[in-house]
Amino acid sequence: MQLPTNFEDLIEEVNGSKLYKRLVLQLNKDLLYANIDLGFDDEVLPTSLKLILQEEIYNLIQNKFSDYLNLLYIVDVSEAKVRNLESDDTAKLSEDITFLILQREWQKVWYKANY
């Protein structure tokens, strides 16, 4: 499996596979496990999904760092990928982390659908 390298490619691949609803359900499940009070309707637009999740990630980094780390652990975002991100700007960091979360969720959904 070749992972998408940006948000647009990810959404294009998800929609092409007709697995967008499963991606949203997987994200909701992991948010619930992480005790993050955020849930998405399965009809949410991809851009809205990204922006709302990004805002929540920004809030977690700023105010609830342990919850942020717990979410990364539950979603199973690679620690090496997180370390490779530039972390000078929290807004940019939250955007990059949002993509890594969605990328990992997509990987889970894809494997479940194909194996």
N, C-alpha and C. Protein backbone atom coordinates (compact mmCIF):
# COMPACT_ATOMS: atom_id res chain seq x y z
N MET A 1 0.84 -1.19 0.00
CA MET A 1 0.00 0.00 0.00
C MET A 1 0.88 1.24 0.00
N GLN A 2 0.66 2.10 -0.96
CA GLN A 2 1.36 3.38 -1.04
C GLN A 2 0.51 4.43 -0.34
N LEU A 3 1.03 5.02 0.73
CA LEU A 3 0.27 6.02 1.48
C LEU A 3 0.27 7.36 0.76
N PRO A 4 -0.87 8.04 0.75
CA PRO A 4 -0.93 9.38 0.15
C PRO A 4 -0.01 10.34 0.91
N THR A 5 0.51 11.33 0.20
CA THR A 5 1.46 12.26 0.81
C THR A 5 0.86 13.61 1.15
N ASN A 6 -0.39 13.84 0.77
CA ASN A 6 -1.06 15.09 1.17
C ASN A 6 -2.55 14.83 1.31
N PHE A 7 -3.24 15.80 1.89
CA PHE A 7 -4.66 15.64 2.21
C PHE A 7 -5.50 15.40 0.96
N GLU A 8 -5.23 16.14 -0.11
CA GLU A 8 -6.03 16.01 -1.34
C GLU A 8 -5.91 14.62 -1.93
N ASP A 9 -4.67 14.09 -1.96
CA ASP A 9 -4.46 12.74 -2.48
C ASP A 9 -5.16 11.70 -1.60
N LEU A 10 -5.11 11.92 -0.29
CA LEU A 10 -5.75 11.00 0.64
C LEU A 10 -7.25 10.94 0.39
N ILE A 11 -7.89 12.09 0.28
CA ILE A 11 -9.33 12.13 0.07
C ILE A 11 -9.70 11.55 -1.29
N GLU A 12 -8.88 11.82 -2.29
CA GLU A 12 -9.12 11.26 -3.62
C GLU A 12 -9.07 9.73 -3.57
N GLU A 13 -8.09 9.20 -2.87
CA GLU A 13 -7.94 7.74 -2.76
C GLU A 13 -9.09 7.13 -1.95
N VAL A 14 -9.47 7.79 -0.85
CA VAL A 14 -10.56 7.30 -0.01
C VAL A 14 -11.87 7.29 -0.79
N ASN A 15 -12.16 8.39 -1.49
CA ASN A 15 -13.40 8.47 -2.27
C ASN A 15 -13.37 7.49 -3.44
N GLY A 16 -12.21 7.30 -4.05
CA GLY A 16 -12.08 6.35 -5.15
C GLY A 16 -12.35 4.93 -4.70
N SER A 17 -12.02 4.64 -3.45
CA SER A 17 -12.26 3.31 -2.90
C SER A 17 -13.64 3.18 -2.26
N LYS A 18 -14.38 4.28 -2.25
CA LYS A 18 -15.72 4.32 -1.64
C LYS A 18 -15.69 3.90 -0.16
N LEU A 19 -14.66 4.38 0.55
CA LEU A 19 -14.50 4.01 1.95
C LEU A 19 -14.51 5.24 2.88
N TYR A 20 -15.02 6.36 2.40
CA TYR A 20 -15.00 7.58 3.21
C TYR A 20 -15.78 7.42 4.50
N LYS A 21 -16.96 6.83 4.43
CA LYS A 21 -17.78 6.65 5.63
C LYS A 21 -17.06 5.77 6.65
N ARG A 22 -16.36 4.74 6.18
CA ARG A 22 -15.61 3.88 7.08
C ARG A 22 -14.46 4.65 7.74
N LEU A 23 -13.85 5.55 6.98
CA LEU A 23 -12.78 6.39 7.54
C LEU A 23 -13.31 7.25 8.67
N VAL A 24 -14.46 7.86 8.46
CA VAL A 24 -15.08 8.71 9.49
C VAL A 24 -15.46 7.86 10.70
N LEU A 25 -16.01 6.69 10.47
CA LEU A 25 -16.38 5.80 11.58
C LEU A 25 -15.16 5.36 12.39
N GLN A 26 -14.07 5.05 11.71
CA GLN A 26 -12.83 4.66 12.39
C GLN A 26 -12.28 5.82 13.21
N LEU A 27 -12.31 7.01 12.64
CA LEU A 27 -11.85 8.20 13.36
C LEU A 27 -12.71 8.44 14.60
N ASN A 28 -14.01 8.34 14.44
CA ASN A 28 -14.93 8.51 15.58
C ASN A 28 -14.64 7.48 16.68
N LYS A 29 -14.40 6.25 16.27
CA LYS A 29 -14.12 5.19 17.23
C LYS A 29 -12.86 5.50 18.03
N ASP A 30 -11.80 5.92 17.35
CA ASP A 30 -10.55 6.21 18.05
C ASP A 30 -10.65 7.47 18.91
N LEU A 31 -11.41 8.45 18.45
CA LEU A 31 -11.64 9.64 19.28
C LEU A 31 -12.37 9.27 20.56
N LEU A 32 -13.34 8.38 20.44
CA LEU A 32 -14.09 7.93 21.61
C LEU A 32 -13.18 7.17 22.57
N TYR A 33 -12.34 6.28 22.05
CA TYR A 33 -11.39 5.54 22.89
C TYR A 33 -10.43 6.49 23.61
N ALA A 34 -10.06 7.57 22.94
CA ALA A 34 -9.13 8.54 23.52
C ALA A 34 -9.83 9.52 24.46
N ASN A 35 -11.14 9.36 24.61
CA ASN A 35 -11.94 10.22 25.48
C ASN A 35 -11.91 11.68 25.01
N ILE A 36 -11.90 11.87 23.70
CA ILE A 36 -11.96 13.20 23.10
C ILE A 36 -13.41 13.45 22.73
N ASP A 37 -13.95 14.54 23.22
CA ASP A 37 -15.37 14.86 23.02
C ASP A 37 -15.56 15.49 21.64
N LEU A 38 -15.43 14.67 20.62
CA LEU A 38 -15.59 15.12 19.24
C LEU A 38 -16.06 13.92 18.43
N GLY A 39 -17.10 14.14 17.66
CA GLY A 39 -17.61 13.08 16.80
C GLY A 39 -18.08 13.69 15.49
N PHE A 40 -17.94 12.95 14.43
CA PHE A 40 -18.31 13.44 13.11
C PHE A 40 -19.46 12.63 12.55
N ASP A 41 -20.37 13.33 11.89
CA ASP A 41 -21.42 12.67 11.13
C ASP A 41 -20.76 12.02 9.92
N ASP A 42 -21.26 10.87 9.48
CA ASP A 42 -20.61 10.20 8.35
C ASP A 42 -20.83 10.92 7.02
N GLU A 43 -21.63 11.98 7.03
CA GLU A 43 -21.84 12.78 5.82
C GLU A 43 -21.02 14.07 5.82
N VAL A 44 -20.12 14.23 6.80
CA VAL A 44 -19.32 15.45 6.90
C VAL A 44 -18.43 15.59 5.66
N LEU A 45 -18.31 16.81 5.19
CA LEU A 45 -17.43 17.07 4.04
C LEU A 45 -15.97 16.88 4.44
N PRO A 46 -15.15 16.38 3.55
CA PRO A 46 -13.74 16.16 3.89
C PRO A 46 -13.01 17.41 4.39
N THR A 47 -13.28 18.56 3.77
CA THR A 47 -12.62 19.78 4.22
C THR A 47 -13.07 20.18 5.63
N SER A 48 -14.35 19.98 5.92
CA SER A 48 -14.86 20.27 7.26
C SER A 48 -14.24 19.30 8.27
N LEU A 49 -14.15 18.05 7.91
CA LEU A 49 -13.52 17.04 8.77
C LEU A 49 -12.12 17.48 9.13
N LYS A 50 -11.35 17.86 8.13
CA LYS A 50 -9.97 18.27 8.35
C LYS A 50 -9.89 19.49 9.25
N LEU A 51 -10.68 20.52 8.95
CA LEU A 51 -10.59 21.76 9.71
C LEU A 51 -11.04 21.59 11.16
N ILE A 52 -12.11 20.85 11.39
CA ILE A 52 -12.60 20.64 12.76
C ILE A 52 -11.61 19.79 13.55
N LEU A 53 -11.08 18.74 12.93
CA LEU A 53 -10.09 17.91 13.61
C LEU A 53 -8.82 18.70 13.89
N GLN A 54 -8.41 19.50 12.94
CA GLN A 54 -7.21 20.32 13.11
C GLN A 54 -7.38 21.30 14.26
N GLU A 55 -8.54 21.90 14.36
CA GLU A 55 -8.82 22.83 15.46
C GLU A 55 -8.77 22.10 16.81
N GLU A 56 -9.31 20.89 16.85
CA GLU A 56 -9.29 20.10 18.08
C GLU A 56 -7.85 19.71 18.44
N ILE A 57 -7.06 19.33 17.47
CA ILE A 57 -5.66 18.97 17.71
C ILE A 57 -4.91 20.18 18.25
N TYR A 58 -5.14 21.34 17.66
CA TYR A 58 -4.51 22.58 18.13
C TYR A 58 -4.87 22.84 19.59
N ASN A 59 -6.15 22.69 19.92
CA ASN A 59 -6.62 22.88 21.29
C ASN A 59 -5.97 21.87 22.24
N LEU A 60 -5.87 20.63 21.82
CA LEU A 60 -5.25 19.60 22.66
C LEU A 60 -3.77 19.90 22.91
N ILE A 61 -3.06 20.33 21.87
CA ILE A 61 -1.63 20.66 22.03
C ILE A 61 -1.47 21.81 23.02
N GLN A 62 -2.33 22.82 22.88
CA GLN A 62 -2.23 24.02 23.73
C GLN A 62 -2.68 23.78 25.17
N ASN A 63 -3.75 23.00 25.36
CA ASN A 63 -4.39 22.95 26.67
C ASN A 63 -4.40 21.58 27.35
N LYS A 64 -4.35 20.51 26.58
CA LYS A 64 -4.46 19.16 27.15
C LYS A 64 -3.44 18.24 26.48
N PHE A 65 -2.17 18.51 26.75
CA PHE A 65 -1.12 17.81 26.04
C PHE A 65 -1.15 16.30 26.29
N SER A 66 -1.47 15.89 27.49
CA SER A 66 -1.52 14.44 27.77
C SER A 66 -2.64 13.76 26.98
N ASP A 67 -3.77 14.45 26.79
CA ASP A 67 -4.85 13.91 25.96
C ASP A 67 -4.42 13.82 24.49
N TYR A 68 -3.64 14.80 24.05
CA TYR A 68 -3.09 14.80 22.70
C TYR A 68 -2.19 13.58 22.49
N LEU A 69 -1.30 13.34 23.45
CA LEU A 69 -0.40 12.18 23.35
C LEU A 69 -1.18 10.87 23.40
N ASN A 70 -2.20 10.83 24.22
CA ASN A 70 -3.05 9.64 24.31
C ASN A 70 -3.74 9.37 22.97
N LEU A 71 -4.24 10.41 22.32
CA LEU A 71 -4.87 10.26 21.01
C LEU A 71 -3.88 9.71 19.99
N LEU A 72 -2.67 10.25 19.97
CA LEU A 72 -1.66 9.75 19.03
C LEU A 72 -1.36 8.27 19.30
N TYR A 73 -1.34 7.89 20.57
CA TYR A 73 -1.09 6.50 20.93
C TYR A 73 -2.24 5.60 20.46
N ILE A 74 -3.46 6.02 20.69
CA ILE A 74 -4.63 5.20 20.32
C ILE A 74 -4.76 5.07 18.81
N VAL A 75 -4.54 6.17 18.10
CA VAL A 75 -4.61 6.12 16.63
C VAL A 75 -3.42 5.33 16.08
N ASP A 76 -2.33 5.30 16.83
CA ASP A 76 -1.11 4.60 16.45
C ASP A 76 -0.34 5.36 15.37
N VAL A 77 -0.21 6.66 15.59
CA VAL A 77 0.60 7.49 14.70
C VAL A 77 2.06 7.21 15.01
N SER A 78 2.85 7.03 13.99
CA SER A 78 4.27 6.71 14.15
C SER A 78 5.01 7.83 14.89
N GLU A 79 5.69 7.44 15.96
CA GLU A 79 6.45 8.40 16.75
C GLU A 79 7.55 9.04 15.90
N ALA A 80 8.15 8.27 15.02
CA ALA A 80 9.22 8.78 14.16
C ALA A 80 8.68 9.88 13.22
N LYS A 81 7.48 9.68 12.70
CA LYS A 81 6.88 10.69 11.82
C LYS A 81 6.59 11.97 12.58
N VAL A 82 6.13 11.84 13.81
CA VAL A 82 5.84 13.02 14.62
C VAL A 82 7.12 13.77 14.94
N ARG A 83 8.17 13.06 15.25
CA ARG A 83 9.46 13.70 15.57
C ARG A 83 10.04 14.43 14.37
N ASN A 84 9.76 13.96 13.17
CA ASN A 84 10.30 14.58 11.97
C ASN A 84 9.60 15.88 11.58
N LEU A 85 8.49 16.19 12.24
CA LEU A 85 7.75 17.41 11.91
C LEU A 85 8.43 18.63 12.51
N GLU A 86 8.35 19.75 11.80
CA GLU A 86 8.82 21.03 12.34
C GLU A 86 7.80 21.50 13.36
N SER A 87 8.23 21.84 14.55
CA SER A 87 7.27 22.16 15.60
C SER A 87 7.37 23.61 16.09
N ASP A 88 7.90 24.51 15.27
CA ASP A 88 8.01 25.92 15.68
C ASP A 88 6.65 26.60 15.74
N ASP A 89 5.78 26.28 14.80
CA ASP A 89 4.46 26.91 14.71
C ASP A 89 3.40 25.88 15.08
N THR A 90 2.67 26.13 16.14
CA THR A 90 1.67 25.16 16.62
C THR A 90 0.55 24.96 15.61
N ALA A 91 0.17 26.01 14.89
CA ALA A 91 -0.90 25.87 13.89
C ALA A 91 -0.45 24.94 12.77
N LYS A 92 0.77 25.10 12.30
CA LYS A 92 1.30 24.23 11.24
C LYS A 92 1.48 22.81 11.76
N LEU A 93 1.95 22.69 13.00
CA LEU A 93 2.10 21.38 13.61
C LEU A 93 0.76 20.66 13.71
N SER A 94 -0.28 21.37 14.13
CA SER A 94 -1.60 20.74 14.24
C SER A 94 -2.12 20.31 12.88
N GLU A 95 -1.82 21.06 11.84
CA GLU A 95 -2.23 20.66 10.48
C GLU A 95 -1.50 19.39 10.06
N ASP A 96 -0.21 19.32 10.34
CA ASP A 96 0.58 18.13 9.97
C ASP A 96 0.15 16.91 10.77
N ILE A 97 -0.12 17.09 12.05
CA ILE A 97 -0.57 15.98 12.89
C ILE A 97 -1.93 15.49 12.43
N THR A 98 -2.82 16.42 12.07
CA THR A 98 -4.14 16.05 11.55
C THR A 98 -3.99 15.15 10.33
N PHE A 99 -3.08 15.51 9.43
CA PHE A 99 -2.86 14.67 8.26
C PHE A 99 -2.33 13.30 8.65
N LEU A 100 -1.38 13.25 9.58
CA LEU A 100 -0.84 11.95 10.02
C LEU A 100 -1.92 11.07 10.64
N ILE A 101 -2.82 11.69 11.41
CA ILE A 101 -3.93 10.93 12.00
C ILE A 101 -4.83 10.38 10.91
N LEU A 102 -5.23 11.23 9.97
CA LEU A 102 -6.11 10.77 8.89
C LEU A 102 -5.43 9.73 8.02
N GLN A 103 -4.14 9.90 7.80
CA GLN A 103 -3.38 8.93 7.01
C GLN A 103 -3.36 7.57 7.71
N ARG A 104 -3.14 7.56 9.01
CA ARG A 104 -3.12 6.30 9.76
C ARG A 104 -4.50 5.66 9.82
N GLU A 105 -5.52 6.48 9.99
CA GLU A 105 -6.89 5.96 10.00
C GLU A 105 -7.22 5.35 8.64
N TRP A 106 -6.79 5.99 7.58
CA TRP A 106 -7.01 5.46 6.23
C TRP A 106 -6.31 4.11 6.07
N GLN A 107 -5.11 4.01 6.60
CA GLN A 107 -4.37 2.75 6.51
C GLN A 107 -5.14 1.63 7.21
N LYS A 108 -5.68 1.90 8.37
CA LYS A 108 -6.48 0.90 9.10
C LYS A 108 -7.70 0.48 8.28
N VAL A 109 -8.42 1.46 7.75
CA VAL A 109 -9.64 1.18 6.98
C VAL A 109 -9.30 0.38 5.71
N TRP A 110 -8.26 0.78 5.03
CA TRP A 110 -7.86 0.10 3.80
C TRP A 110 -7.52 -1.37 4.07
N TYR A 111 -6.74 -1.61 5.13
CA TYR A 111 -6.37 -3.00 5.45
C TYR A 111 -7.60 -3.83 5.82
N LYS A 112 -8.51 -3.26 6.58
CA LYS A 112 -9.72 -3.99 6.95
C LYS A 112 -10.58 -4.31 5.73
N ALA A 113 -10.60 -3.40 4.76
CA ALA A 113 -11.42 -3.59 3.57
C ALA A 113 -10.79 -4.59 2.59
N ASN A 114 -9.48 -4.69 2.61
CA ASN A 114 -8.78 -5.51 1.62
C ASN A 114 -8.27 -6.85 2.14
N TYR A 115 -8.28 -7.05 3.45
CA TYR A 115 -7.76 -8.32 4.00
C TYR A 115 -8.66 -8.91 5.02
